[in-house]
């Protein structure tokens, strides 16, 4: 069978399941039907992995572990998004087409089911296009995408967080606008564009625009410091890969802690999570400045033994690096205070936490990363989490 025929058959079957899902009860009956039709798709070479993607979603729905809306939107995103993506042959336009087709499909599903949860659809589509950018070269990409979409939408659906439509629209415009600017200026690749947009939407929707602006300040500081004496860092062999363009690993390792803090703050309103947020951002900013500027400050010392090591060695620190790390954490904390994100006493907590988090990064780099246990992204994540927790505990006496 031709690829075109297989695509059309898959689209017709999947959308038919969405249309008949409300009428076919209990859910396990439809689940069995999907499993049977998936076996047909599996026989067509070009739709084999699409069949494997539909099977786990069908099973989860049949076991009543996925709500009808999440099940229907997942199928719709997978089919309409995938078909739209193939029109653009992998260029940026393909991703734009994917987003438009997938979100339009979700809107139609919500109208059809008379259940309106735009935040669920938004996060499902953004995660879908992000996963497409990350894993599209893998043979099992569709299965990974399907599970990622379904689990994300279920999480937001179950959270039942309410946000104003104007706020959601504004968050999309601001976050994607900034992401596109980063992509065009080559400070982010495609995966960095969508992961940055995801983080931005989370910050704006669950907190507000000021939290996003604090994160934006970190990004600007990081981009400027990356370009600082770049030719010299190239000669030393310690320059940022891909000319400084950030990908999803860099975005998530530095921003996922702050995004989690925003969600926790949004659902609880506890000011301690604002401290958690600022500790994570301050650590990310301080560590980036220490790495990008500190590396030009002469031969570093290994943080565990204080012996001299070559520039770029994991765990190496310089006086210049420690200085700019402290100043970077202080600057982020002051900015957060001026914007009303944190109260005055939290400035000290954020500054100290950022400096501590930076040195956690160096310590982990020397002890664990140099042994190949995990890479730079893992080190950054642990450091930002450590910085966030440090700020949270330091802020405890002032949170009452």
Protein backbone atom coordinates (compact mmCIF):
# COMPACT_ATOMS: atom_id res chain seq x y z
CA UNK A 1 0.00 0.00 0.00
CA UNK A 2 1.19 3.55 -0.69
CA UNK A 3 2.22 5.95 2.05
CA UNK A 4 -0.48 8.40 0.94
CA UNK A 5 -3.18 5.75 1.22
CA UNK A 6 -1.92 4.71 4.64
CA UNK A 7 -1.95 8.30 5.89
CA UNK A 8 -5.50 8.83 4.67
CA UNK A 9 -6.70 5.57 6.18
CA UNK A 10 -5.07 6.41 9.51
CA UNK A 11 -6.62 9.88 9.53
CA UNK A 12 -10.09 8.57 8.67
CA UNK A 13 -9.96 5.83 11.31
CA UNK A 14 -8.59 8.04 14.08
CA UNK A 15 -11.06 10.86 13.45
CA UNK A 16 -13.90 8.33 13.23
CA UNK A 17 -12.98 7.05 16.68
CA UNK A 18 -13.11 10.62 17.99
CA UNK A 19 -16.56 11.17 16.45
CA UNK A 20 -18.05 7.94 17.77
CA UNK A 21 -16.30 7.91 21.16
CA UNK A 22 -19.13 9.63 23.10
CA UNK A 23 -21.67 7.11 21.80
CA UNK A 24 -19.58 3.96 22.21
CA UNK A 25 -19.77 3.05 25.87
CA UNK A 26 -18.27 1.67 28.03
CA UNK A 27 -14.83 2.93 26.93
CA UNK A 28 -13.28 -0.52 26.70
CA UNK A 29 -15.55 -1.35 23.72
CA UNK A 30 -14.04 1.48 21.67
CA UNK A 31 -10.61 0.51 22.96
CA UNK A 32 -10.98 -2.98 21.49
CA UNK A 33 -12.14 -1.52 18.18
CA UNK A 34 -9.08 0.73 18.04
CA UNK A 35 -6.78 -2.18 18.79
CA UNK A 36 -8.31 -4.14 15.92
CA UNK A 37 -7.99 -1.29 13.44
CA UNK A 38 -4.47 -0.54 14.67
CA UNK A 39 -3.50 -4.03 13.60
CA UNK A 40 -4.53 -3.04 10.05
CA UNK A 41 -2.42 0.11 10.21
CA UNK A 42 0.47 -1.96 11.49
CA UNK A 43 0.48 -3.91 8.23
CA UNK A 44 1.13 -0.70 6.28
CA UNK A 45 4.83 0.14 6.50
CA UNK A 46 4.46 3.91 6.67
CA UNK A 47 1.80 3.81 9.41
CA UNK A 48 3.32 1.05 11.53
CA UNK A 49 4.59 3.38 14.23
CA UNK A 50 1.38 5.40 14.16
CA UNK A 51 -0.42 2.16 14.99
CA UNK A 52 1.95 1.59 17.90
CA UNK A 53 1.24 5.15 19.05
CA UNK A 54 -2.54 4.64 19.06
CA UNK A 55 -2.44 1.37 21.00
CA UNK A 56 -1.28 2.67 24.44
CA UNK A 57 -3.70 5.61 24.25
CA UNK A 58 -6.55 3.23 23.43
CA UNK A 59 -5.61 0.97 26.34
CA UNK A 60 -5.45 3.89 28.80
CA UNK A 61 -8.85 5.12 27.60
CA UNK A 62 -10.33 1.64 27.76
CA UNK A 63 -9.21 1.34 31.38
CA UNK A 64 -10.88 4.71 32.10
CA UNK A 65 -7.51 6.24 32.95
CA UNK A 66 -7.92 8.98 30.33
CA UNK A 67 -10.94 11.32 30.19
CA UNK A 68 -12.86 11.41 26.92
CA UNK A 69 -11.64 14.92 26.10
CA UNK A 70 -7.97 14.02 26.60
CA UNK A 71 -8.36 10.85 24.54
CA UNK A 72 -10.10 12.69 21.69
CA UNK A 73 -7.69 15.64 21.64
CA UNK A 74 -4.68 13.32 21.69
CA UNK A 75 -5.93 11.45 18.63
CA UNK A 76 -6.81 14.70 16.87
CA UNK A 77 -3.42 16.29 17.55
CA UNK A 78 -1.61 13.18 16.38
CA UNK A 79 -3.52 12.92 13.10
CA UNK A 80 -4.09 16.53 12.08
CA UNK A 81 -0.73 17.73 13.36
CA UNK A 82 1.20 14.95 11.65
CA UNK A 83 -0.53 15.45 8.30
CA UNK A 84 0.06 19.21 8.43
CA UNK A 85 3.70 18.75 9.41
CA UNK A 86 4.47 16.60 6.38
CA UNK A 87 3.48 19.42 4.03
CA UNK A 88 6.46 21.54 5.05
CA UNK A 89 9.27 18.98 4.72
CA UNK A 90 10.71 19.71 8.17
CA UNK A 91 11.16 23.48 7.88
CA UNK A 92 9.94 25.93 10.53
CA UNK A 93 6.76 26.32 8.49
CA UNK A 94 6.05 22.65 9.17
CA UNK A 95 5.97 23.29 12.90
CA UNK A 96 3.72 26.31 12.45
CA UNK A 97 1.35 24.22 10.32
CA UNK A 98 1.44 21.50 12.99
CA UNK A 99 0.47 23.96 15.72
CA UNK A 100 -2.36 25.54 13.74
CA UNK A 101 -3.83 22.23 12.57
CA UNK A 102 -3.53 20.55 15.97
CA UNK A 103 -5.04 23.44 17.92
CA UNK A 104 -7.85 23.86 15.39
CA UNK A 105 -8.60 20.16 15.79
CA UNK A 106 -8.69 20.52 19.58
CA UNK A 107 -11.08 23.47 19.32
CA UNK A 108 -13.41 21.38 17.16
CA UNK A 109 -13.23 18.53 19.67
CA UNK A 110 -14.11 20.87 22.55
CA UNK A 111 -17.08 22.25 20.62
CA UNK A 112 -18.20 18.74 19.70
CA UNK A 113 -17.95 17.47 23.29
CA UNK A 114 -19.22 20.76 24.75
CA UNK A 115 -16.35 20.84 27.20
CA UNK A 116 -14.19 23.96 26.99
CA UNK A 117 -10.75 23.70 28.58
CA UNK A 118 -8.43 25.78 26.37
CA UNK A 119 -5.50 25.45 28.77
CA UNK A 120 -5.56 21.67 28.36
CA UNK A 121 -5.55 21.98 24.57
CA UNK A 122 -2.82 24.63 24.61
CA UNK A 123 -0.38 22.61 26.69
CA UNK A 124 -1.15 19.48 24.70
CA UNK A 125 -0.32 21.20 21.41
CA UNK A 126 2.82 22.95 22.71
CA UNK A 127 4.19 19.72 24.18
CA UNK A 128 3.28 17.91 20.96
CA UNK A 129 5.24 20.29 18.72
CA UNK A 130 8.13 20.32 21.19
CA UNK A 131 8.35 16.53 21.14
CA UNK A 132 8.12 16.64 17.36
CA UNK A 133 11.18 18.91 17.29
CA UNK A 134 13.11 16.69 19.70
CA UNK A 135 12.38 13.12 18.56
CA UNK A 136 11.15 13.39 14.97
CA UNK A 137 14.19 11.53 13.62
CA UNK A 138 13.44 8.48 15.77
CA UNK A 139 11.43 5.58 14.40
CA UNK A 140 9.30 5.46 17.55
CA UNK A 141 8.74 9.23 17.56
CA UNK A 142 4.96 8.99 17.14
CA UNK A 143 4.60 6.69 20.14
CA UNK A 144 6.67 9.03 22.32
CA UNK A 145 4.66 12.02 21.11
CA UNK A 146 1.32 10.32 21.76
CA UNK A 147 2.19 9.37 25.33
CA UNK A 148 3.71 12.78 26.02
CA UNK A 149 0.63 14.58 24.69
CA UNK A 150 -1.81 12.39 26.61
CA UNK A 151 0.05 12.58 29.92
CA UNK A 152 0.51 16.35 29.68
CA UNK A 153 -3.13 16.98 28.86
CA UNK A 154 -4.26 14.63 31.62
CA UNK A 155 -2.06 16.46 34.15
CA UNK A 156 -3.48 19.87 33.23
CA UNK A 157 -7.02 18.47 33.04
CA UNK A 158 -6.73 16.89 36.48
CA UNK A 159 -5.17 20.04 37.93
CA UNK A 160 -8.34 21.92 36.89
CA UNK A 161 -6.55 25.27 36.95
CA UNK A 162 -8.64 28.14 35.62
CA UNK A 163 -7.11 31.01 33.65
CA UNK A 164 -8.64 33.94 31.79
CA UNK A 165 -8.76 33.56 28.01
CA UNK A 166 -7.14 36.96 27.51
CA UNK A 167 -4.28 35.93 29.80
CA UNK A 168 -3.83 32.66 27.91
CA UNK A 169 -3.80 34.45 24.55
CA UNK A 170 -1.34 37.03 25.85
CA UNK A 171 0.92 34.30 27.23
CA UNK A 172 0.97 32.55 23.86
CA UNK A 173 1.80 35.76 21.97
CA UNK A 174 4.55 36.84 24.37
CA UNK A 175 6.14 33.41 24.85
CA UNK A 176 6.12 32.41 21.19
CA UNK A 177 7.14 35.90 20.11
CA UNK A 178 10.17 35.75 22.37
CA UNK A 179 10.92 32.19 21.28
CA UNK A 180 10.79 33.13 17.61
CA UNK A 181 13.05 36.13 18.23
CA UNK A 182 15.55 33.84 19.97
CA UNK A 183 15.43 31.45 17.04
CA UNK A 184 15.92 34.19 14.46
CA UNK A 185 18.87 35.64 16.38
CA UNK A 186 20.38 32.14 16.69
CA UNK A 187 20.35 32.16 20.47
CA UNK A 188 18.01 29.14 20.40
CA UNK A 189 17.44 26.26 18.01
CA UNK A 190 13.99 24.90 17.10
CA UNK A 191 13.72 22.77 20.24
CA UNK A 192 14.91 25.75 22.27
CA UNK A 193 12.20 27.89 20.67
CA UNK A 194 9.38 25.57 21.71
CA UNK A 195 10.77 24.60 25.12
CA UNK A 196 11.34 28.28 25.91
CA UNK A 197 7.78 29.07 24.80
CA UNK A 198 6.47 26.29 27.05
CA UNK A 199 8.36 27.63 30.07
CA UNK A 200 7.18 31.16 29.26
CA UNK A 201 3.53 30.14 29.00
CA UNK A 202 3.75 28.30 32.33
CA UNK A 203 5.27 31.34 34.05
CA UNK A 204 2.72 33.80 32.68
CA UNK A 205 -0.37 31.63 33.12
CA UNK A 206 0.37 30.23 36.58
CA UNK A 207 2.12 33.34 37.95
CA UNK A 208 2.18 36.51 35.82
CA UNK A 209 4.20 38.44 33.25
CA UNK A 210 6.65 39.69 35.89
CA UNK A 211 7.91 36.18 36.56
CA UNK A 212 8.48 35.79 32.84
CA UNK A 213 10.41 39.08 32.73
CA UNK A 214 12.71 37.87 35.52
CA UNK A 215 13.40 34.73 33.50
CA UNK A 216 13.87 36.89 30.42
CA UNK A 217 16.51 38.89 32.29
CA UNK A 218 18.40 35.66 32.95
CA UNK A 219 18.19 34.73 29.28
CA UNK A 220 19.55 38.12 28.22
CA UNK A 221 22.38 37.90 30.74
CA UNK A 222 23.19 34.41 29.50
CA UNK A 223 23.14 35.41 25.83
CA UNK A 224 25.36 38.45 26.42
CA UNK A 225 27.82 36.51 28.55
CA UNK A 226 27.98 33.74 25.92
CA UNK A 227 29.16 36.31 23.36
CA UNK A 228 31.64 37.79 25.83
CA UNK A 229 35.16 37.32 24.40
CA UNK A 230 33.76 34.50 22.26
CA UNK A 231 36.76 34.31 19.91
CA UNK A 232 39.06 33.91 22.90
CA UNK A 233 36.89 31.11 24.26
CA UNK A 234 36.97 29.48 20.82
CA UNK A 235 40.76 29.45 20.90
CA UNK A 236 40.62 27.93 24.38
CA UNK A 237 38.11 25.31 23.19
CA UNK A 238 35.53 26.22 25.86
CA UNK A 239 32.97 28.08 23.74
CA UNK A 240 29.26 27.25 23.90
CA UNK A 241 28.29 24.61 21.33
CA UNK A 242 26.37 25.62 18.18
CA UNK A 243 27.56 29.20 18.49
CA UNK A 244 25.65 29.66 21.75
CA UNK A 245 22.25 28.54 20.42
CA UNK A 246 20.35 26.94 23.30
CA UNK A 247 18.42 23.71 22.85
CA UNK A 248 15.73 22.06 24.93
CA UNK A 249 18.20 20.43 27.32
CA UNK A 250 19.69 23.78 28.25
CA UNK A 251 16.26 25.42 28.57
CA UNK A 252 14.78 22.70 30.76
CA UNK A 253 17.85 22.14 32.92
CA UNK A 254 17.91 25.84 33.78
CA UNK A 255 14.18 26.59 33.72
CA UNK A 256 12.16 23.56 34.81
CA UNK A 257 12.65 24.28 38.53
CA UNK A 258 11.40 27.84 38.12
CA UNK A 259 8.45 26.62 36.03
CA UNK A 260 7.54 24.13 38.77
CA UNK A 261 7.76 26.94 41.32
CA UNK A 262 5.35 29.02 39.23
CA UNK A 263 2.82 26.17 39.09
CA UNK A 264 3.10 25.60 42.85
CA UNK A 265 2.69 29.32 43.49
CA UNK A 266 -0.27 29.51 41.12
CA UNK A 267 -2.23 26.72 42.80
CA UNK A 268 -1.30 27.63 46.40
CA UNK A 269 -0.38 31.33 46.52
CA UNK A 270 2.34 30.53 49.07
CA UNK A 271 5.12 33.20 48.92
CA UNK A 272 7.72 30.55 49.72
CA UNK A 273 7.35 29.29 46.17
CA UNK A 274 8.32 32.76 44.95
CA UNK A 275 11.54 32.26 46.91
CA UNK A 276 11.91 28.83 45.34
CA UNK A 277 11.48 30.47 41.94
CA UNK A 278 14.02 33.21 42.50
CA UNK A 279 16.55 30.77 43.94
CA UNK A 280 16.35 28.68 40.78
CA UNK A 281 16.64 31.65 38.40
CA UNK A 282 19.43 33.24 40.44
CA UNK A 283 21.37 29.98 40.34
CA UNK A 284 20.92 29.63 36.58
CA UNK A 285 22.04 33.22 36.01
CA UNK A 286 24.97 33.02 38.40
CA UNK A 287 26.19 29.71 36.99
CA UNK A 288 25.95 30.95 33.39
CA UNK A 289 27.92 34.10 34.18
CA UNK A 290 30.50 32.12 36.15
CA UNK A 291 30.94 29.69 33.26
CA UNK A 292 30.97 32.17 30.38
CA UNK A 293 32.90 35.03 32.00
CA UNK A 294 34.81 33.22 34.73
CA UNK A 295 36.52 30.96 32.19
CA UNK A 296 38.41 34.03 30.93
CA UNK A 297 39.70 34.81 34.42
CA UNK A 298 42.87 32.77 34.29
CA UNK A 299 43.74 29.20 35.22
CA UNK A 300 40.97 27.79 37.45
CA UNK A 301 41.16 25.83 40.68
CA UNK A 302 39.29 22.55 41.16
CA UNK A 303 36.65 23.24 43.81
CA UNK A 304 37.30 19.97 45.67
CA UNK A 305 41.10 20.13 45.97
CA UNK A 306 41.98 23.72 44.97
CA UNK A 307 44.58 22.34 42.61
CA UNK A 308 45.15 24.03 39.25
CA UNK A 309 43.21 22.52 36.34
CA UNK A 310 42.87 23.43 32.63
CA UNK A 311 40.22 25.99 31.64
CA UNK A 312 36.86 24.36 30.95
CA UNK A 313 37.35 21.52 33.44
CA UNK A 314 34.13 20.57 35.21
CA UNK A 315 34.33 21.84 38.78
CA UNK A 316 36.95 24.47 37.98
CA UNK A 317 36.41 27.90 39.58
CA UNK A 318 38.11 31.28 39.32
CA UNK A 319 37.95 34.41 41.46
CA UNK A 320 36.40 36.25 38.52
CA UNK A 321 33.81 33.51 38.09
CA UNK A 322 32.83 33.54 41.76
CA UNK A 323 32.56 37.32 41.71
CA UNK A 324 30.31 37.55 38.66
CA UNK A 325 28.24 34.64 40.01
CA UNK A 326 27.49 36.56 43.20
CA UNK A 327 26.75 39.76 41.29
CA UNK A 328 24.49 37.91 38.84
CA UNK A 329 22.47 36.33 41.66
CA UNK A 330 22.21 39.72 43.37
CA UNK A 331 21.07 41.44 40.17
CA UNK A 332 18.35 38.86 39.50
CA UNK A 333 17.12 39.08 43.11
CA UNK A 334 17.00 42.88 43.09
CA UNK A 335 15.16 42.85 39.77
CA UNK A 336 12.60 40.39 41.15
CA UNK A 337 12.06 42.66 44.16
CA UNK A 338 11.67 45.78 42.01
CA UNK A 339 9.05 43.96 39.92
CA UNK A 340 7.14 42.88 43.00
CA UNK A 341 7.81 39.17 42.57
CA UNK A 342 9.49 38.84 45.98
CA UNK A 343 9.49 40.97 49.17
CA UNK A 344 12.62 42.83 50.31
CA UNK A 345 13.94 40.15 52.74
CA UNK A 346 13.95 37.59 49.91
CA UNK A 347 16.71 39.52 48.10
CA UNK A 348 19.31 38.14 50.50
CA UNK A 349 17.79 34.65 50.24
CA UNK A 350 17.91 34.72 46.44
CA UNK A 351 21.45 36.10 46.30
CA UNK A 352 22.87 33.60 48.77
CA UNK A 353 20.96 30.74 47.16
CA UNK A 354 22.18 31.68 43.69
CA UNK A 355 25.78 31.75 44.87
CA UNK A 356 25.37 28.46 46.75
CA UNK A 357 23.66 26.86 43.75
CA UNK A 358 26.51 27.88 41.46
CA UNK A 359 29.01 26.16 43.70
CA UNK A 360 26.75 23.12 43.96
CA UNK A 361 27.07 23.00 40.18
CA UNK A 362 30.86 23.16 40.42
CA UNK A 363 30.97 20.52 43.16
CA UNK A 364 28.76 18.11 41.22
CA UNK A 365 30.79 18.78 38.09
CA UNK A 366 34.01 17.84 39.88
CA UNK A 367 32.70 14.82 41.77
CA UNK A 368 30.03 13.30 39.51
CA UNK A 369 30.01 14.82 36.02
CA UNK A 370 33.72 14.20 35.48
CA UNK A 371 33.01 10.51 36.10
CA UNK A 372 30.38 10.46 33.38
CA UNK A 373 27.45 9.73 35.71
CA UNK A 374 25.42 12.41 33.97
CA UNK A 375 26.02 15.39 31.71
CA UNK A 376 25.91 19.14 31.96
CA UNK A 377 22.11 19.30 31.78
CA UNK A 378 21.78 17.01 34.79
CA UNK A 379 24.30 19.08 36.70
CA UNK A 380 22.42 22.30 35.91
CA UNK A 381 19.11 20.79 36.99
CA UNK A 382 20.45 19.60 40.35
CA UNK A 383 22.14 22.97 40.91
CA UNK A 384 19.00 25.01 40.17
CA UNK A 385 16.92 22.69 42.36
CA UNK A 386 19.50 23.08 45.13
CA UNK A 387 19.50 26.85 44.74
CA UNK A 388 15.70 26.95 44.78
CA UNK A 389 15.46 24.85 47.93
CA UNK A 390 18.19 26.92 49.59
CA UNK A 391 16.24 30.13 48.91
CA UNK A 392 13.04 28.53 50.18
CA UNK A 393 14.61 27.56 53.50
CA UNK A 394 16.36 30.93 53.89
CA UNK A 395 13.03 32.67 53.30
CA UNK A 396 11.15 30.64 55.93
CA UNK A 397 11.68 33.16 58.77
CA UNK A 398 10.23 35.96 56.61
CA UNK A 399 7.29 34.09 55.09
CA UNK A 400 4.88 34.59 57.96
